[in-house]
Amino acid sequence: MPRKDLEISAMGYRKHPGMIAWILHRVTGVILVLYFILHMLGSGGVCSFLPAIVQNIYVEAVVIIMFAWHAMNGLRIIFMEFFRAAERGCFKKFLAIFTVLAVLLALVGLYYVKDVIAANSAANVEAAEGE
């Protein structure tokens, strides 16, 4: 049965929140996999330039934001599939709820990363002074 909320025009499909969520879910998944591969290569000493890139605070912040979106969107998909929320027409409500949860999860993660970076930089300063 075709979807009633999806309009097809001469220019193609109209952007639907579900299509955008689907694309973001796939893109964040691929980027997270690539990041974790680079993280493993960098921490294993395989490539000398990777630790500087992978352990950059801005890169870690982006990874936390992408992880939060990917995780919360995955939970939203589970709720949509198993609790038949799509059949009840709650799609936009679920998208809004899990987007807010993703933002909250990202903020908690960013707060934690800030503390970890501060502790690591203090340890690096102490190690440099000890030498």
C-alpha atoms as a PDB file:
ATOM      1  CA  MET A   1       0.000   0.000   0.000  1.00  0.00           C
ATOM      2  CA  PRO A   2       1.585   3.329  -1.014  1.00  0.00           C
ATOM      3  CA  ARG A   3       2.230   5.948   1.628  1.00  0.00           C
ATOM      4  CA  LYS A   4      -0.301   8.761   1.651  1.00  0.00           C
ATOM      5  CA  ASP A   5       2.096  11.336   3.088  1.00  0.00           C
ATOM      6  CA  LEU A   6       4.743  10.935   0.376  1.00  0.00           C
ATOM      7  CA  GLU A   7       4.226  13.172  -2.608  1.00  0.00           C
ATOM      8  CA  ILE A   8       5.891  12.359  -5.890  1.00  0.00           C
ATOM      9  CA  SER A   9       6.367  15.238  -8.293  1.00  0.00           C
ATOM     10  CA  ALA A  10       8.153  15.727 -11.582  1.00  0.00           C
ATOM     11  CA  MET A  11      11.285  16.742  -9.635  1.00  0.00           C
ATOM     12  CA  GLY A  12      11.267  13.521  -7.591  1.00  0.00           C
ATOM     13  CA  TYR A  13      10.313  12.792  -4.013  1.00  0.00           C
ATOM     14  CA  ARG A  14       9.357  15.534  -1.602  1.00  0.00           C
ATOM     15  CA  LYS A  15      11.673  15.620   1.400  1.00  0.00           C
ATOM     16  CA  HIS A  16       9.942  13.817   4.211  1.00  0.00           C
ATOM     17  CA  PRO A  17      11.222  13.805   7.837  1.00  0.00           C
ATOM     18  CA  GLY A  18      11.528  10.031   7.621  1.00  0.00           C
ATOM     19  CA  MET A  19      13.731  10.240   4.539  1.00  0.00           C
ATOM     20  CA  ILE A  20      15.985  12.825   6.183  1.00  0.00           C
ATOM     21  CA  ALA A  21      16.195  10.711   9.363  1.00  0.00           C
ATOM     22  CA  TRP A  22      17.035   7.651   7.259  1.00  0.00           C
ATOM     23  CA  ILE A  23      19.830   9.480   5.398  1.00  0.00           C
ATOM     24  CA  LEU A  24      21.268  10.926   8.628  1.00  0.00           C
ATOM     25  CA  HIS A  25      21.160   7.495  10.256  1.00  0.00           C
ATOM     26  CA  ARG A  26      23.137   5.932   7.405  1.00  0.00           C
ATOM     27  CA  VAL A  27      25.635   8.806   7.152  1.00  0.00           C
ATOM     28  CA  THR A  28      26.323   8.909  10.900  1.00  0.00           C
ATOM     29  CA  GLY A  29      26.720   5.128  10.968  1.00  0.00           C
ATOM     30  CA  VAL A  30      29.322   5.157   8.194  1.00  0.00           C
ATOM     31  CA  ILE A  31      31.230   8.083   9.731  1.00  0.00           C
ATOM     32  CA  LEU A  32      31.225   6.432  13.175  1.00  0.00           C
ATOM     33  CA  VAL A  33      32.593   3.191  11.727  1.00  0.00           C
ATOM     34  CA  LEU A  34      35.349   5.109   9.915  1.00  0.00           C
ATOM     35  CA  TYR A  35      36.157   7.068  13.083  1.00  0.00           C
ATOM     36  CA  PHE A  36      36.451   3.917  15.184  1.00  0.00           C
ATOM     37  CA  ILE A  37      38.702   2.288  12.573  1.00  0.00           C
ATOM     38  CA  LEU A  38      40.932   5.385  12.593  1.00  0.00           C
ATOM     39  CA  HIS A  39      40.842   5.416  16.396  1.00  0.00           C
ATOM     40  CA  MET A  40      42.037   1.811  16.550  1.00  0.00           C
ATOM     41  CA  LEU A  41      44.781   2.450  13.997  1.00  0.00           C
ATOM     42  CA  GLY A  42      45.887   5.590  15.844  1.00  0.00           C
ATOM     43  CA  SER A  43      45.940   4.059  19.312  1.00  0.00           C
ATOM     44  CA  GLY A  44      47.822   0.993  18.094  1.00  0.00           C
ATOM     45  CA  GLY A  45      50.711   3.122  16.852  1.00  0.00           C
ATOM     46  CA  VAL A  46      50.184   2.133  13.215  1.00  0.00           C
ATOM     47  CA  CYS A  47      49.991   5.718  11.948  1.00  0.00           C
ATOM     48  CA  SER A  48      51.791   8.475  13.816  1.00  0.00           C
ATOM     49  CA  PHE A  49      49.529  11.331  12.630  1.00  0.00           C
ATOM     50  CA  LEU A  50      46.210   9.714  13.577  1.00  0.00           C
ATOM     51  CA  PRO A  51      46.258  10.278  17.365  1.00  0.00           C
ATOM     52  CA  ALA A  52      46.446  14.043  16.840  1.00  0.00           C
ATOM     53  CA  ILE A  53      43.396  13.930  14.568  1.00  0.00           C
ATOM     54  CA  VAL A  54      41.363  11.350  16.469  1.00  0.00           C
ATOM     55  CA  GLN A  55      41.964  12.876  19.916  1.00  0.00           C
ATOM     56  CA  ASN A  56      41.164  16.434  18.837  1.00  0.00           C
ATOM     57  CA  ILE A  57      38.459  17.911  21.080  1.00  0.00           C
ATOM     58  CA  TYR A  58      36.427  19.149  18.111  1.00  0.00           C
ATOM     59  CA  VAL A  59      36.519  15.748  16.416  1.00  0.00           C
ATOM     60  CA  GLU A  60      35.465  14.083  19.665  1.00  0.00           C
ATOM     61  CA  ALA A  61      32.614  16.571  20.075  1.00  0.00           C
ATOM     62  CA  VAL A  62      31.357  15.843  16.548  1.00  0.00           C
ATOM     63  CA  VAL A  63      31.637  12.094  17.183  1.00  0.00           C
ATOM     64  CA  ILE A  64      29.620  12.415  20.397  1.00  0.00           C
ATOM     65  CA  ILE A  65      26.921  14.413  18.609  1.00  0.00           C
ATOM     66  CA  MET A  66      26.778  11.873  15.765  1.00  0.00           C
ATOM     67  CA  PHE A  67      26.714   8.973  18.237  1.00  0.00           C
ATOM     68  CA  ALA A  68      23.868  10.576  20.177  1.00  0.00           C
ATOM     69  CA  TRP A  69      21.837  11.115  16.999  1.00  0.00           C
ATOM     70  CA  HIS A  70      22.559   7.620  15.709  1.00  0.00           C
ATOM     71  CA  ALA A  71      21.673   5.961  19.026  1.00  0.00           C
ATOM     72  CA  MET A  72      18.466   7.899  19.598  1.00  0.00           C
ATOM     73  CA  ASN A  73      17.347   7.477  16.000  1.00  0.00           C
ATOM     74  CA  GLY A  74      17.997   3.741  16.334  1.00  0.00           C
ATOM     75  CA  LEU A  75      15.799   3.652  19.434  1.00  0.00           C
ATOM     76  CA  ARG A  76      13.142   5.621  17.574  1.00  0.00           C
ATOM     77  CA  ILE A  77      13.238   3.065  14.772  1.00  0.00           C
ATOM     78  CA  ILE A  78      12.842   0.245  17.300  1.00  0.00           C
ATOM     79  CA  PHE A  79       9.811   1.966  18.843  1.00  0.00           C
ATOM     80  CA  MET A  80       8.328   2.624  15.416  1.00  0.00           C
ATOM     81  CA  GLU A  81       8.734  -1.009  14.380  1.00  0.00           C
ATOM     82  CA  PHE A  82       7.847  -2.904  17.544  1.00  0.00           C
ATOM     83  CA  PHE A  83       5.166  -0.652  19.000  1.00  0.00           C
ATOM     84  CA  ARG A  84       3.502   0.142  15.671  1.00  0.00           C
ATOM     85  CA  ALA A  85       3.842   3.878  16.196  1.00  0.00           C
ATOM     86  CA  ALA A  86       4.044   4.417  12.443  1.00  0.00           C
ATOM     87  CA  GLU A  87       0.576   2.961  12.011  1.00  0.00           C
ATOM     88  CA  ARG A  88      -0.857   5.348  14.596  1.00  0.00           C
ATOM     89  CA  GLY A  89       0.608   8.393  12.857  1.00  0.00           C
ATOM     90  CA  CYS A  90       2.976   9.346  15.696  1.00  0.00           C
ATOM     91  CA  PHE A  91       6.021   9.661  13.452  1.00  0.00           C
ATOM     92  CA  LYS A  92       6.687  13.383  13.932  1.00  0.00           C
ATOM     93  CA  LYS A  93       6.066  13.151  17.675  1.00  0.00           C
ATOM     94  CA  PHE A  94       8.542  10.268  18.025  1.00  0.00           C
ATOM     95  CA  LEU A  95      11.074  12.110  15.852  1.00  0.00           C
ATOM     96  CA  ALA A  96      10.794  15.209  18.060  1.00  0.00           C
ATOM     97  CA  ILE A  97      11.060  13.233  21.314  1.00  0.00           C
ATOM     98  CA  PHE A  98      14.110  11.263  20.243  1.00  0.00           C
ATOM     99  CA  THR A  99      15.774  14.340  18.759  1.00  0.00           C
ATOM    100  CA  VAL A 100      15.442  16.080  22.131  1.00  0.00           C
ATOM    101  CA  LEU A 101      16.838  12.974  23.833  1.00  0.00           C
ATOM    102  CA  ALA A 102      19.745  12.950  21.362  1.00  0.00           C
ATOM    103  CA  VAL A 103      20.518  16.595  22.160  1.00  0.00           C
ATOM    104  CA  LEU A 104      20.449  15.867  25.904  1.00  0.00           C
ATOM    105  CA  LEU A 105      22.697  12.818  25.446  1.00  0.00           C
ATOM    106  CA  ALA A 106      25.104  14.887  23.339  1.00  0.00           C
ATOM    107  CA  LEU A 107      25.226  17.642  25.965  1.00  0.00           C
ATOM    108  CA  VAL A 108      26.038  15.130  28.711  1.00  0.00           C
ATOM    109  CA  GLY A 109      28.722  13.583  26.512  1.00  0.00           C
ATOM    110  CA  LEU A 110      30.217  16.957  25.648  1.00  0.00           C
ATOM    111  CA  TYR A 111      30.322  17.902  29.328  1.00  0.00           C
ATOM    112  CA  TYR A 112      32.172  14.665  30.062  1.00  0.00           C
ATOM    113  CA  VAL A 113      34.628  15.174  27.188  1.00  0.00           C
ATOM    114  CA  LYS A 114      35.380  18.680  28.455  1.00  0.00           C
ATOM    115  CA  ASP A 115      36.312  17.262  31.878  1.00  0.00           C
ATOM    116  CA  VAL A 116      38.408  14.466  30.377  1.00  0.00           C
ATOM    117  CA  ILE A 117      40.296  16.876  28.103  1.00  0.00           C
ATOM    118  CA  ALA A 118      40.947  19.218  31.046  1.00  0.00           C
ATOM    119  CA  ALA A 119      42.272  16.327  33.149  1.00  0.00           C
ATOM    120  CA  ASN A 120      44.478  15.082  30.294  1.00  0.00           C
ATOM    121  CA  SER A 121      45.904  18.536  29.602  1.00  0.00           C
ATOM    122  CA  ALA A 122      46.665  19.010  33.330  1.00  0.00           C
ATOM    123  CA  ALA A 123      48.410  15.623  33.384  1.00  0.00           C
ATOM    124  CA  ASN A 124      50.411  16.562  30.271  1.00  0.00           C
ATOM    125  CA  VAL A 125      51.512  19.848  31.879  1.00  0.00           C
ATOM    126  CA  GLU A 126      52.600  18.034  35.038  1.00  0.00           C
ATOM    127  CA  ALA A 127      54.511  15.446  32.978  1.00  0.00           C
ATOM    128  CA  ALA A 128      56.243  18.206  30.996  1.00  0.00           C
ATOM    129  CA  GLU A 129      57.241  20.023  34.194  1.00  0.00           C
ATOM    130  CA  GLY A 130      58.589  16.818  35.713  1.00  0.00           C
ATOM    131  CA  GLU A 131      61.028  16.231  32.850  1.00  0.00           C
END
